[in-house]
Amino acid sequence: MPLPRCIRTAFDAEAGRLLADGWREIGTLVTYAGTTPPFRGGVARSGTPDSIDTSLDKMIGKIEWGGRLWRDPEVSKETALAETLRFVSKFQGDIWEDRRHNAGFVLIDESAEQNSRVVLLGVLPEFRRKGIARWLLGAARKPVLVAGTYADNDASCALYTSLGMTILKRERTFHKDVR
């Protein structure tokens, strides 16, 4: 099955039109921005996940993702996992891992001039609420950190809010199958 097309909008009128045209609503993406947390040390590995010693592929299968493909009941979990791994394998940048516990990782895009963008952040369920995600986010090198999550992901929203980040925008996400 081909992947669904995706459109995001902040406008209710456009959302109504999309729903009338057969698009299905997946959720509301919230984009946060704020100051990068203090760096507490760690080891970065540059390159793609395939080119470095990493356990991302094993961890991605264990973490329940809130991304758009994972939220769509029309997309199988196998397809969502395969697309997540394909996306991650093409990422060029620094991968920070919590090597003490092998509990979490963050991929950070540093290509923007003024900010660091969180591409993917994951912590295994049994290690959540222990400060690992906060520690991983401290790996960003730019003074401004930008991250997105879905509005119903209470843990991610609480994390970004606790870091003093503010909401830049909210966008409703819609999918439609390509035939």
Foldseek 3Di string as FASTA:
>chain_A
DDFWDKDKAQDPVVVVVCVVVPWDWQFKKWKWKDFQDAADDFDKDWDAPVVDPADVLVQLVQFQDQDRLSRDPVHDPVRVSVVVNVVRRPDGGIKTAPVVVSFWIWGWDPPDDAEIETPDIDGHPVCPPVCPRSNRSNPTDHGMYMYMGGPPPVSVVVVSVVVVIDTPGMIIMITDHDD
